[in-house]
């Protein structure tokens, strides 16, 4: 099948290329299509493919080429990490029921942040506030809202390609997901890494979309309870970093409080940092 024909097929079915062993202008290494593990199987619904995953670690050059072709193919490339190599026991994808992208469209970053902030700060009648005010400084129990955009320090795609090389190891695999922006992978993959924090991922994807727009973020690697991002427009000034850190607390509170103990301490950690890493208990 010619490239133009494959590109036309991808417009309606991004997996069409994968079924014949190609994605964009390059031949893919050996891999497989992964389907839902959690889907309710009845007479009316069969599990569909979630993504394609390689059997071996990819090269950084392959990731860069696929990232450049993602607009045409409709497939977002990223690194996937799983606890085991036996499909059926993987916990990175397909564990919870995937959500449609329409669910992401319903949310705005400020709505997600406000709802989670309020929930995290909710007062228990016996124990009092869930968090000490000092840990939330320079903020309090009222959500401050999203931070202003950052200033680009690098081309977002070039930076993503550079940082991808550092994340490659024997545990990583190439994943191709049928979305046009990396923020949406959490939602469409049925990812369960943050289930102890939020029951569904559409709100987190909405925050990631906003970070893509405001901070030049790109999704690089996803694991069972971990997410790695490149950041082309990180906060530099202390006040701006604190505002961004407040967003990060609502996105992954364990990462902020357990690693640094407070929003203000975490803010110092991310000033000028071009990679953000999150994890969830």
C-alpha atoms as a PDB file:
ATOM      1  CA  UNK A   1       0.000   0.000   0.000  1.00  0.00           C
ATOM      2  CA  UNK A   2       1.400   3.402  -0.972  1.00  0.00           C
ATOM      3  CA  UNK A   3       2.151   6.035   1.684  1.00  0.00           C
ATOM      4  CA  UNK A   4      -0.677   8.316   0.549  1.00  0.00           C
ATOM      5  CA  UNK A   5      -3.132   5.405   0.648  1.00  0.00           C
ATOM      6  CA  UNK A   6      -1.986   4.461   4.138  1.00  0.00           C
ATOM      7  CA  UNK A   7      -2.299   8.076   5.253  1.00  0.00           C
ATOM      8  CA  UNK A   8      -5.857   8.191   3.934  1.00  0.00           C
ATOM      9  CA  UNK A   9      -6.743   4.984   5.749  1.00  0.00           C
ATOM     10  CA  UNK A  10      -5.329   6.359   8.984  1.00  0.00           C
ATOM     11  CA  UNK A  11      -7.736   9.283   8.850  1.00  0.00           C
ATOM     12  CA  UNK A  12     -10.595   6.903   9.619  1.00  0.00           C
ATOM     13  CA  UNK A  13      -8.735   4.024  11.229  1.00  0.00           C
ATOM     14  CA  UNK A  14      -5.308   4.772  12.771  1.00  0.00           C
ATOM     15  CA  UNK A  15      -4.740   1.066  13.364  1.00  0.00           C
ATOM     16  CA  UNK A  16      -5.002   0.314   9.635  1.00  0.00           C
ATOM     17  CA  UNK A  17      -1.284   0.968   9.239  1.00  0.00           C
ATOM     18  CA  UNK A  18      -0.428  -1.251  12.167  1.00  0.00           C
ATOM     19  CA  UNK A  19      -2.408  -4.179  10.819  1.00  0.00           C
ATOM     20  CA  UNK A  20      -0.135  -4.263   7.783  1.00  0.00           C
ATOM     21  CA  UNK A  21       3.000  -3.659   9.817  1.00  0.00           C
ATOM     22  CA  UNK A  22       3.656  -0.003   9.069  1.00  0.00           C
ATOM     23  CA  UNK A  23       3.219   3.339  10.814  1.00  0.00           C
ATOM     24  CA  UNK A  24       3.965   6.405   8.764  1.00  0.00           C
ATOM     25  CA  UNK A  25       7.124   6.211   6.647  1.00  0.00           C
ATOM     26  CA  UNK A  26       8.959   3.559   8.677  1.00  0.00           C
ATOM     27  CA  UNK A  27       8.592  -0.148   9.129  1.00  0.00           C
ATOM     28  CA  UNK A  28       7.857  -1.044  12.732  1.00  0.00           C
ATOM     29  CA  UNK A  29       9.725  -3.677  14.735  1.00  0.00           C
ATOM     30  CA  UNK A  30       7.923  -6.775  15.956  1.00  0.00           C
ATOM     31  CA  UNK A  31       4.957  -5.965  18.185  1.00  0.00           C
ATOM     32  CA  UNK A  32       1.305  -6.625  18.914  1.00  0.00           C
ATOM     33  CA  UNK A  33      -2.022  -4.868  19.251  1.00  0.00           C
ATOM     34  CA  UNK A  34      -3.241  -4.740  22.841  1.00  0.00           C
ATOM     35  CA  UNK A  35      -6.939  -4.906  23.664  1.00  0.00           C
ATOM     36  CA  UNK A  36      -8.928  -4.050  26.768  1.00  0.00           C
ATOM     37  CA  UNK A  37      -8.542  -6.333  29.768  1.00  0.00           C
ATOM     38  CA  UNK A  38     -11.473  -4.885  31.694  1.00  0.00           C
ATOM     39  CA  UNK A  39     -14.193  -4.775  29.031  1.00  0.00           C
ATOM     40  CA  UNK A  40     -17.542  -6.266  29.877  1.00  0.00           C
ATOM     41  CA  UNK A  41     -17.993  -8.978  27.294  1.00  0.00           C
ATOM     42  CA  UNK A  42     -21.569  -9.641  26.286  1.00  0.00           C
ATOM     43  CA  UNK A  43     -23.402 -10.184  23.055  1.00  0.00           C
ATOM     44  CA  UNK A  44     -23.137  -6.542  22.103  1.00  0.00           C
ATOM     45  CA  UNK A  45     -19.575  -5.478  22.824  1.00  0.00           C
ATOM     46  CA  UNK A  46     -16.206  -6.931  22.011  1.00  0.00           C
ATOM     47  CA  UNK A  47     -12.983  -5.395  23.309  1.00  0.00           C
ATOM     48  CA  UNK A  48     -11.297  -3.181  20.748  1.00  0.00           C
ATOM     49  CA  UNK A  49      -7.591  -2.420  20.317  1.00  0.00           C
ATOM     50  CA  UNK A  50      -6.144   0.145  22.707  1.00  0.00           C
ATOM     51  CA  UNK A  51      -2.644   0.547  21.348  1.00  0.00           C
ATOM     52  CA  UNK A  52       0.225  -1.189  19.649  1.00  0.00           C
ATOM     53  CA  UNK A  53       3.319  -2.134  21.672  1.00  0.00           C
ATOM     54  CA  UNK A  54       6.710  -3.334  20.497  1.00  0.00           C
ATOM     55  CA  UNK A  55       8.294  -6.510  21.799  1.00  0.00           C
ATOM     56  CA  UNK A  56      11.721  -4.888  22.283  1.00  0.00           C
ATOM     57  CA  UNK A  57      12.951  -1.428  23.306  1.00  0.00           C
ATOM     58  CA  UNK A  58      12.807   1.043  20.398  1.00  0.00           C
ATOM     59  CA  UNK A  59      15.531   3.406  19.258  1.00  0.00           C
ATOM     60  CA  UNK A  60      15.363   7.104  20.050  1.00  0.00           C
ATOM     61  CA  UNK A  61      15.478   7.811  16.299  1.00  0.00           C
ATOM     62  CA  UNK A  62      12.376   5.690  15.700  1.00  0.00           C
ATOM     63  CA  UNK A  63      10.507   7.604  18.417  1.00  0.00           C
ATOM     64  CA  UNK A  64      11.534  10.903  16.817  1.00  0.00           C
ATOM     65  CA  UNK A  65      10.398   9.804  13.362  1.00  0.00           C
ATOM     66  CA  UNK A  66       7.048   8.548  14.638  1.00  0.00           C
ATOM     67  CA  UNK A  67       6.552  11.736  16.652  1.00  0.00           C
ATOM     68  CA  UNK A  68       7.118  13.787  13.492  1.00  0.00           C
ATOM     69  CA  UNK A  69       4.576  11.650  11.603  1.00  0.00           C
ATOM     70  CA  UNK A  70       1.952  11.594  14.370  1.00  0.00           C
ATOM     71  CA  UNK A  71      -0.188  14.321  12.820  1.00  0.00           C
ATOM     72  CA  UNK A  72      -0.518  12.269   9.628  1.00  0.00           C
ATOM     73  CA  UNK A  73      -0.862   8.840  11.211  1.00  0.00           C
ATOM     74  CA  UNK A  74      -3.141   9.789  14.102  1.00  0.00           C
ATOM     75  CA  UNK A  75      -0.910   7.675  16.375  1.00  0.00           C
ATOM     76  CA  UNK A  76       0.923   9.174  19.358  1.00  0.00           C
ATOM     77  CA  UNK A  77       4.267   7.459  20.133  1.00  0.00           C
ATOM     78  CA  UNK A  78       5.487   7.079  23.700  1.00  0.00           C
ATOM     79  CA  UNK A  79       7.445   4.736  25.908  1.00  0.00           C
ATOM     80  CA  UNK A  80       5.442   2.184  27.891  1.00  0.00           C
ATOM     81  CA  UNK A  81       6.796   0.375  30.939  1.00  0.00           C
ATOM     82  CA  UNK A  82       5.149  -2.701  32.444  1.00  0.00           C
ATOM     83  CA  UNK A  83       5.889  -4.884  35.431  1.00  0.00           C
ATOM     84  CA  UNK A  84       5.923  -8.056  33.359  1.00  0.00           C
ATOM     85  CA  UNK A  85       6.337  -9.003  29.754  1.00  0.00           C
ATOM     86  CA  UNK A  86       3.323 -11.304  29.690  1.00  0.00           C
ATOM     87  CA  UNK A  87       0.225  -9.658  28.311  1.00  0.00           C
ATOM     88  CA  UNK A  88      -2.734 -10.254  30.590  1.00  0.00           C
ATOM     89  CA  UNK A  89      -0.673  -9.293  33.617  1.00  0.00           C
ATOM     90  CA  UNK A  90       0.270  -5.842  32.379  1.00  0.00           C
ATOM     91  CA  UNK A  91      -1.079  -3.022  34.493  1.00  0.00           C
ATOM     92  CA  UNK A  92      -0.134  -0.019  32.381  1.00  0.00           C
ATOM     93  CA  UNK A  93      -3.000  -0.291  29.909  1.00  0.00           C
ATOM     94  CA  UNK A  94      -6.502  -1.693  29.710  1.00  0.00           C
ATOM     95  CA  UNK A  95      -6.996  -2.415  33.396  1.00  0.00           C
ATOM     96  CA  UNK A  96      -9.884  -0.008  33.916  1.00  0.00           C
ATOM     97  CA  UNK A  97     -12.489   0.679  31.268  1.00  0.00           C
ATOM     98  CA  UNK A  98     -11.166   3.282  28.798  1.00  0.00           C
ATOM     99  CA  UNK A  99     -13.079   6.536  28.480  1.00  0.00           C
ATOM    100  CA  UNK A 100     -14.039   8.271  25.226  1.00  0.00           C
ATOM    101  CA  UNK A 101     -12.231  11.479  24.354  1.00  0.00           C
ATOM    102  CA  UNK A 102     -15.511  13.341  24.706  1.00  0.00           C
ATOM    103  CA  UNK A 103     -15.078  12.995  28.468  1.00  0.00           C
ATOM    104  CA  UNK A 104     -11.832  14.968  28.310  1.00  0.00           C
ATOM    105  CA  UNK A 105     -13.560  17.682  26.305  1.00  0.00           C
ATOM    106  CA  UNK A 106     -16.004  18.238  29.179  1.00  0.00           C
ATOM    107  CA  UNK A 107     -13.287  19.408  31.554  1.00  0.00           C
ATOM    108  CA  UNK A 108     -11.159  22.522  31.877  1.00  0.00           C
ATOM    109  CA  UNK A 109      -7.965  22.622  33.915  1.00  0.00           C
ATOM    110  CA  UNK A 110      -9.367  25.169  36.368  1.00  0.00           C
ATOM    111  CA  UNK A 111     -12.420  22.965  37.032  1.00  0.00           C
ATOM    112  CA  UNK A 112     -10.318  19.883  37.661  1.00  0.00           C
ATOM    113  CA  UNK A 113      -7.898  21.752  39.902  1.00  0.00           C
ATOM    114  CA  UNK A 114     -10.650  23.381  41.961  1.00  0.00           C
ATOM    115  CA  UNK A 115     -12.549  20.126  42.476  1.00  0.00           C
ATOM    116  CA  UNK A 116      -9.481  18.158  43.555  1.00  0.00           C
ATOM    117  CA  UNK A 117      -8.120  20.986  45.737  1.00  0.00           C
ATOM    118  CA  UNK A 118     -11.438  21.217  47.573  1.00  0.00           C
ATOM    119  CA  UNK A 119     -11.530  17.462  48.088  1.00  0.00           C
ATOM    120  CA  UNK A 120      -7.952  17.276  49.358  1.00  0.00           C
ATOM    121  CA  UNK A 121      -8.541  20.137  51.804  1.00  0.00           C
ATOM    122  CA  UNK A 122     -11.895  18.894  53.045  1.00  0.00           C
ATOM    123  CA  UNK A 123     -12.258  19.134  56.803  1.00  0.00           C
ATOM    124  CA  UNK A 124     -12.905  15.922  58.707  1.00  0.00           C
ATOM    125  CA  UNK A 125     -15.207  16.450  61.701  1.00  0.00           C
ATOM    126  CA  UNK A 126     -12.850  14.566  64.024  1.00  0.00           C
ATOM    127  CA  UNK A 127      -9.399  14.924  62.485  1.00  0.00           C
ATOM    128  CA  UNK A 128      -9.582  18.472  61.153  1.00  0.00           C
ATOM    129  CA  UNK A 129      -8.085  19.544  57.812  1.00  0.00           C
ATOM    130  CA  UNK A 130      -6.418  16.792  55.804  1.00  0.00           C
ATOM    131  CA  UNK A 131      -3.302  18.950  55.236  1.00  0.00           C
ATOM    132  CA  UNK A 132      -1.411  21.289  57.515  1.00  0.00           C
ATOM    133  CA  UNK A 133      -1.606  24.904  56.287  1.00  0.00           C
ATOM    134  CA  UNK A 134       2.209  25.135  56.267  1.00  0.00           C
ATOM    135  CA  UNK A 135       2.407  22.362  53.672  1.00  0.00           C
ATOM    136  CA  UNK A 136       0.141  24.359  51.356  1.00  0.00           C
ATOM    137  CA  UNK A 137       2.014  27.681  51.675  1.00  0.00           C
ATOM    138  CA  UNK A 138       2.032  30.149  50.032  1.00  0.00           C
ATOM    139  CA  UNK A 139      -1.569  29.062  49.449  1.00  0.00           C
ATOM    140  CA  UNK A 140      -4.325  27.971  51.784  1.00  0.00           C
ATOM    141  CA  UNK A 141      -7.477  25.921  51.664  1.00  0.00           C
ATOM    142  CA  UNK A 142      -8.869  27.900  48.708  1.00  0.00           C
ATOM    143  CA  UNK A 143      -7.739  26.815  45.247  1.00  0.00           C
ATOM    144  CA  UNK A 144      -5.514  29.477  43.616  1.00  0.00           C
ATOM    145  CA  UNK A 145      -6.340  28.400  40.062  1.00  0.00           C
ATOM    146  CA  UNK A 146      -3.982  27.559  37.194  1.00  0.00           C
ATOM    147  CA  UNK A 147      -0.621  29.276  36.736  1.00  0.00           C
ATOM    148  CA  UNK A 148       0.179  31.650  33.847  1.00  0.00           C
ATOM    149  CA  UNK A 149       1.910  30.162  30.780  1.00  0.00           C
ATOM    150  CA  UNK A 150       5.679  29.747  30.762  1.00  0.00           C
ATOM    151  CA  UNK A 151       8.184  31.161  28.294  1.00  0.00           C
ATOM    152  CA  UNK A 152       9.543  28.681  25.759  1.00  0.00           C
ATOM    153  CA  UNK A 153      13.182  27.826  26.359  1.00  0.00           C
ATOM    154  CA  UNK A 154      13.336  25.142  23.666  1.00  0.00           C
ATOM    155  CA  UNK A 155      11.366  23.661  20.804  1.00  0.00           C
ATOM    156  CA  UNK A 156       8.900  21.257  22.426  1.00  0.00           C
ATOM    157  CA  UNK A 157       9.413  18.460  19.896  1.00  0.00           C
ATOM    158  CA  UNK A 158      13.199  18.742  19.848  1.00  0.00           C
ATOM    159  CA  UNK A 159      13.314  18.642  23.647  1.00  0.00           C
ATOM    160  CA  UNK A 160      11.001  15.618  23.745  1.00  0.00           C
ATOM    161  CA  UNK A 161      13.306  13.784  21.336  1.00  0.00           C
ATOM    162  CA  UNK A 162      16.374  14.650  23.422  1.00  0.00           C
ATOM    163  CA  UNK A 163      14.871  13.537  26.730  1.00  0.00           C
ATOM    164  CA  UNK A 164      13.485  10.328  25.244  1.00  0.00           C
ATOM    165  CA  UNK A 165      17.057   9.047  24.835  1.00  0.00           C
ATOM    166  CA  UNK A 166      17.602   9.315  28.600  1.00  0.00           C
ATOM    167  CA  UNK A 167      14.462   7.300  29.389  1.00  0.00           C
ATOM    168  CA  UNK A 168      15.237   4.323  27.173  1.00  0.00           C
ATOM    169  CA  UNK A 169      16.244   1.111  28.907  1.00  0.00           C
ATOM    170  CA  UNK A 170      15.566  -2.612  28.703  1.00  0.00           C
ATOM    171  CA  UNK A 171      12.174  -2.226  30.412  1.00  0.00           C
ATOM    172  CA  UNK A 172      10.741   0.294  27.952  1.00  0.00           C
ATOM    173  CA  UNK A 173       8.677  -0.526  24.887  1.00  0.00           C
ATOM    174  CA  UNK A 174       7.350   1.602  22.054  1.00  0.00           C
ATOM    175  CA  UNK A 175       3.628   2.283  22.320  1.00  0.00           C
ATOM    176  CA  UNK A 176       1.467   3.778  19.568  1.00  0.00           C
ATOM    177  CA  UNK A 177      -1.867   5.154  20.754  1.00  0.00           C
ATOM    178  CA  UNK A 178      -4.687   6.359  18.450  1.00  0.00           C
ATOM    179  CA  UNK A 179      -4.777   9.958  19.712  1.00  0.00           C
ATOM    180  CA  UNK A 180      -3.429  13.186  18.239  1.00  0.00           C
ATOM    181  CA  UNK A 181      -1.999  14.557  21.474  1.00  0.00           C
ATOM    182  CA  UNK A 182      -0.153  12.798  24.257  1.00  0.00           C
ATOM    183  CA  UNK A 183      -2.373  14.216  26.987  1.00  0.00           C
ATOM    184  CA  UNK A 184      -5.190  11.916  25.921  1.00  0.00           C
ATOM    185  CA  UNK A 185      -3.337   8.623  26.369  1.00  0.00           C
ATOM    186  CA  UNK A 186      -4.209   8.363  30.069  1.00  0.00           C
ATOM    187  CA  UNK A 187      -7.904   8.360  29.224  1.00  0.00           C
ATOM    188  CA  UNK A 188      -8.065   6.144  26.150  1.00  0.00           C
ATOM    189  CA  UNK A 189      -5.660   3.461  27.448  1.00  0.00           C
ATOM    190  CA  UNK A 190      -7.674   2.502  30.514  1.00  0.00           C
ATOM    191  CA  UNK A 191      -4.674   3.462  32.658  1.00  0.00           C
ATOM    192  CA  UNK A 192      -5.081   2.714  36.370  1.00  0.00           C
ATOM    193  CA  UNK A 193      -1.984   4.349  37.844  1.00  0.00           C
ATOM    194  CA  UNK A 194      -3.809   7.169  39.640  1.00  0.00           C
ATOM    195  CA  UNK A 195      -6.881   5.250  40.826  1.00  0.00           C
ATOM    196  CA  UNK A 196      -6.030   5.860  44.486  1.00  0.00           C
ATOM    197  CA  UNK A 197      -6.223   9.582  43.698  1.00  0.00           C
ATOM    198  CA  UNK A 198      -8.992   9.903  41.075  1.00  0.00           C
ATOM    199  CA  UNK A 199     -11.446   7.292  39.870  1.00  0.00           C
ATOM    200  CA  UNK A 200     -11.199   8.312  36.201  1.00  0.00           C
ATOM    201  CA  UNK A 201      -8.460   9.956  34.118  1.00  0.00           C
ATOM    202  CA  UNK A 202     -10.389  12.385  31.882  1.00  0.00           C
ATOM    203  CA  UNK A 203      -9.750  15.267  34.287  1.00  0.00           C
ATOM    204  CA  UNK A 204      -6.025  14.505  34.427  1.00  0.00           C
ATOM    205  CA  UNK A 205      -5.920  14.419  30.630  1.00  0.00           C
ATOM    206  CA  UNK A 206      -7.613  17.831  30.583  1.00  0.00           C
ATOM    207  CA  UNK A 207      -4.880  19.197  32.851  1.00  0.00           C
ATOM    208  CA  UNK A 208      -2.216  17.657  30.614  1.00  0.00           C
ATOM    209  CA  UNK A 209      -3.783  19.298  27.564  1.00  0.00           C
ATOM    210  CA  UNK A 210      -3.542  22.631  29.319  1.00  0.00           C
ATOM    211  CA  UNK A 211       0.099  21.980  30.220  1.00  0.00           C
ATOM    212  CA  UNK A 212       0.833  21.137  26.585  1.00  0.00           C
ATOM    213  CA  UNK A 213      -0.524  24.548  25.644  1.00  0.00           C
ATOM    214  CA  UNK A 214       0.950  26.593  28.527  1.00  0.00           C
ATOM    215  CA  UNK A 215       4.283  24.851  29.193  1.00  0.00           C
ATOM    216  CA  UNK A 216       5.151  22.988  25.997  1.00  0.00           C
ATOM    217  CA  UNK A 217       4.697  19.654  27.757  1.00  0.00           C
ATOM    218  CA  UNK A 218       4.998  16.380  25.844  1.00  0.00           C
ATOM    219  CA  UNK A 219       4.154  12.918  27.194  1.00  0.00           C
ATOM    220  CA  UNK A 220       7.270  10.727  27.022  1.00  0.00           C
ATOM    221  CA  UNK A 221       6.828   7.646  29.188  1.00  0.00           C
ATOM    222  CA  UNK A 222       3.974   5.931  31.019  1.00  0.00           C
ATOM    223  CA  UNK A 223       4.280   3.173  33.578  1.00  0.00           C
ATOM    224  CA  UNK A 224       1.929   1.368  35.958  1.00  0.00           C
ATOM    225  CA  UNK A 225       2.011   4.301  38.416  1.00  0.00           C
ATOM    226  CA  UNK A 226       4.427   6.764  36.838  1.00  0.00           C
ATOM    227  CA  UNK A 227       4.384   9.474  34.175  1.00  0.00           C
ATOM    228  CA  UNK A 228       7.319  11.354  32.618  1.00  0.00           C
ATOM    229  CA  UNK A 229       6.914  14.612  30.693  1.00  0.00           C
ATOM    230  CA  UNK A 230       9.238  16.969  28.835  1.00  0.00           C
ATOM    231  CA  UNK A 231       8.703  20.666  29.585  1.00  0.00           C
ATOM    232  CA  UNK A 232       9.807  23.275  27.031  1.00  0.00           C
ATOM    233  CA  UNK A 233       8.510  26.286  29.022  1.00  0.00           C
ATOM    234  CA  UNK A 234       9.166  25.536  32.712  1.00  0.00           C
ATOM    235  CA  UNK A 235       8.618  28.135  35.446  1.00  0.00           C
ATOM    236  CA  UNK A 236      11.725  30.156  36.287  1.00  0.00           C
ATOM    237  CA  UNK A 237      10.632  32.733  38.857  1.00  0.00           C
ATOM    238  CA  UNK A 238       9.788  31.582  42.380  1.00  0.00           C
ATOM    239  CA  UNK A 239       6.238  32.922  42.385  1.00  0.00           C
ATOM    240  CA  UNK A 240       5.470  31.274  39.060  1.00  0.00           C
ATOM    241  CA  UNK A 241       7.010  27.986  40.180  1.00  0.00           C
ATOM    242  CA  UNK A 242       4.814  28.012  43.295  1.00  0.00           C
ATOM    243  CA  UNK A 243       1.710  28.457  41.151  1.00  0.00           C
ATOM    244  CA  UNK A 244       2.763  25.547  38.939  1.00  0.00           C
ATOM    245  CA  UNK A 245       3.583  23.446  42.014  1.00  0.00           C
ATOM    246  CA  UNK A 246       0.033  24.016  43.260  1.00  0.00           C
ATOM    247  CA  UNK A 247      -1.257  22.490  40.033  1.00  0.00           C
ATOM    248  CA  UNK A 248       1.110  19.548  40.414  1.00  0.00           C
ATOM    249  CA  UNK A 249      -0.219  18.930  43.926  1.00  0.00           C
ATOM    250  CA  UNK A 250      -3.732  18.481  42.597  1.00  0.00           C
ATOM    251  CA  UNK A 251      -2.415  16.302  39.759  1.00  0.00           C
ATOM    252  CA  UNK A 252      -0.261  13.974  41.901  1.00  0.00           C
ATOM    253  CA  UNK A 253      -0.343  14.877  45.630  1.00  0.00           C
ATOM    254  CA  UNK A 254       1.842  11.925  46.690  1.00  0.00           C
ATOM    255  CA  UNK A 255       4.667  13.096  44.424  1.00  0.00           C
ATOM    256  CA  UNK A 256       4.640  16.578  45.950  1.00  0.00           C
ATOM    257  CA  UNK A 257       4.052  15.902  49.642  1.00  0.00           C
ATOM    258  CA  UNK A 258       5.897  12.621  50.114  1.00  0.00           C
ATOM    259  CA  UNK A 259       8.988  13.697  48.185  1.00  0.00           C
ATOM    260  CA  UNK A 260       9.331  17.296  49.413  1.00  0.00           C
ATOM    261  CA  UNK A 261       6.803  17.796  52.230  1.00  0.00           C
ATOM    262  CA  UNK A 262       5.279  21.037  50.941  1.00  0.00           C
ATOM    263  CA  UNK A 263       4.208  22.928  47.862  1.00  0.00           C
ATOM    264  CA  UNK A 264       6.842  25.618  48.449  1.00  0.00           C
ATOM    265  CA  UNK A 265       9.685  23.093  48.687  1.00  0.00           C
ATOM    266  CA  UNK A 266       8.470  21.322  45.585  1.00  0.00           C
ATOM    267  CA  UNK A 267       8.296  24.657  43.753  1.00  0.00           C
ATOM    268  CA  UNK A 268      12.043  25.116  44.261  1.00  0.00           C
ATOM    269  CA  UNK A 269      12.625  21.641  42.822  1.00  0.00           C
ATOM    270  CA  UNK A 270      10.849  22.354  39.536  1.00  0.00           C
ATOM    271  CA  UNK A 271      12.224  25.844  38.811  1.00  0.00           C
ATOM    272  CA  UNK A 272      13.784  25.605  35.356  1.00  0.00           C
ATOM    273  CA  UNK A 273      13.354  21.812  35.232  1.00  0.00           C
ATOM    274  CA  UNK A 274      12.710  20.528  31.715  1.00  0.00           C
ATOM    275  CA  UNK A 275      11.379  17.173  32.855  1.00  0.00           C
ATOM    276  CA  UNK A 276       8.461  16.577  35.203  1.00  0.00           C
ATOM    277  CA  UNK A 277       8.015  13.150  36.767  1.00  0.00           C
ATOM    278  CA  UNK A 278       4.909  12.069  38.648  1.00  0.00           C
ATOM    279  CA  UNK A 279       4.050   8.970  40.626  1.00  0.00           C
ATOM    280  CA  UNK A 280       1.060   7.775  42.611  1.00  0.00           C
ATOM    281  CA  UNK A 281       0.746   5.368  45.541  1.00  0.00           C
END
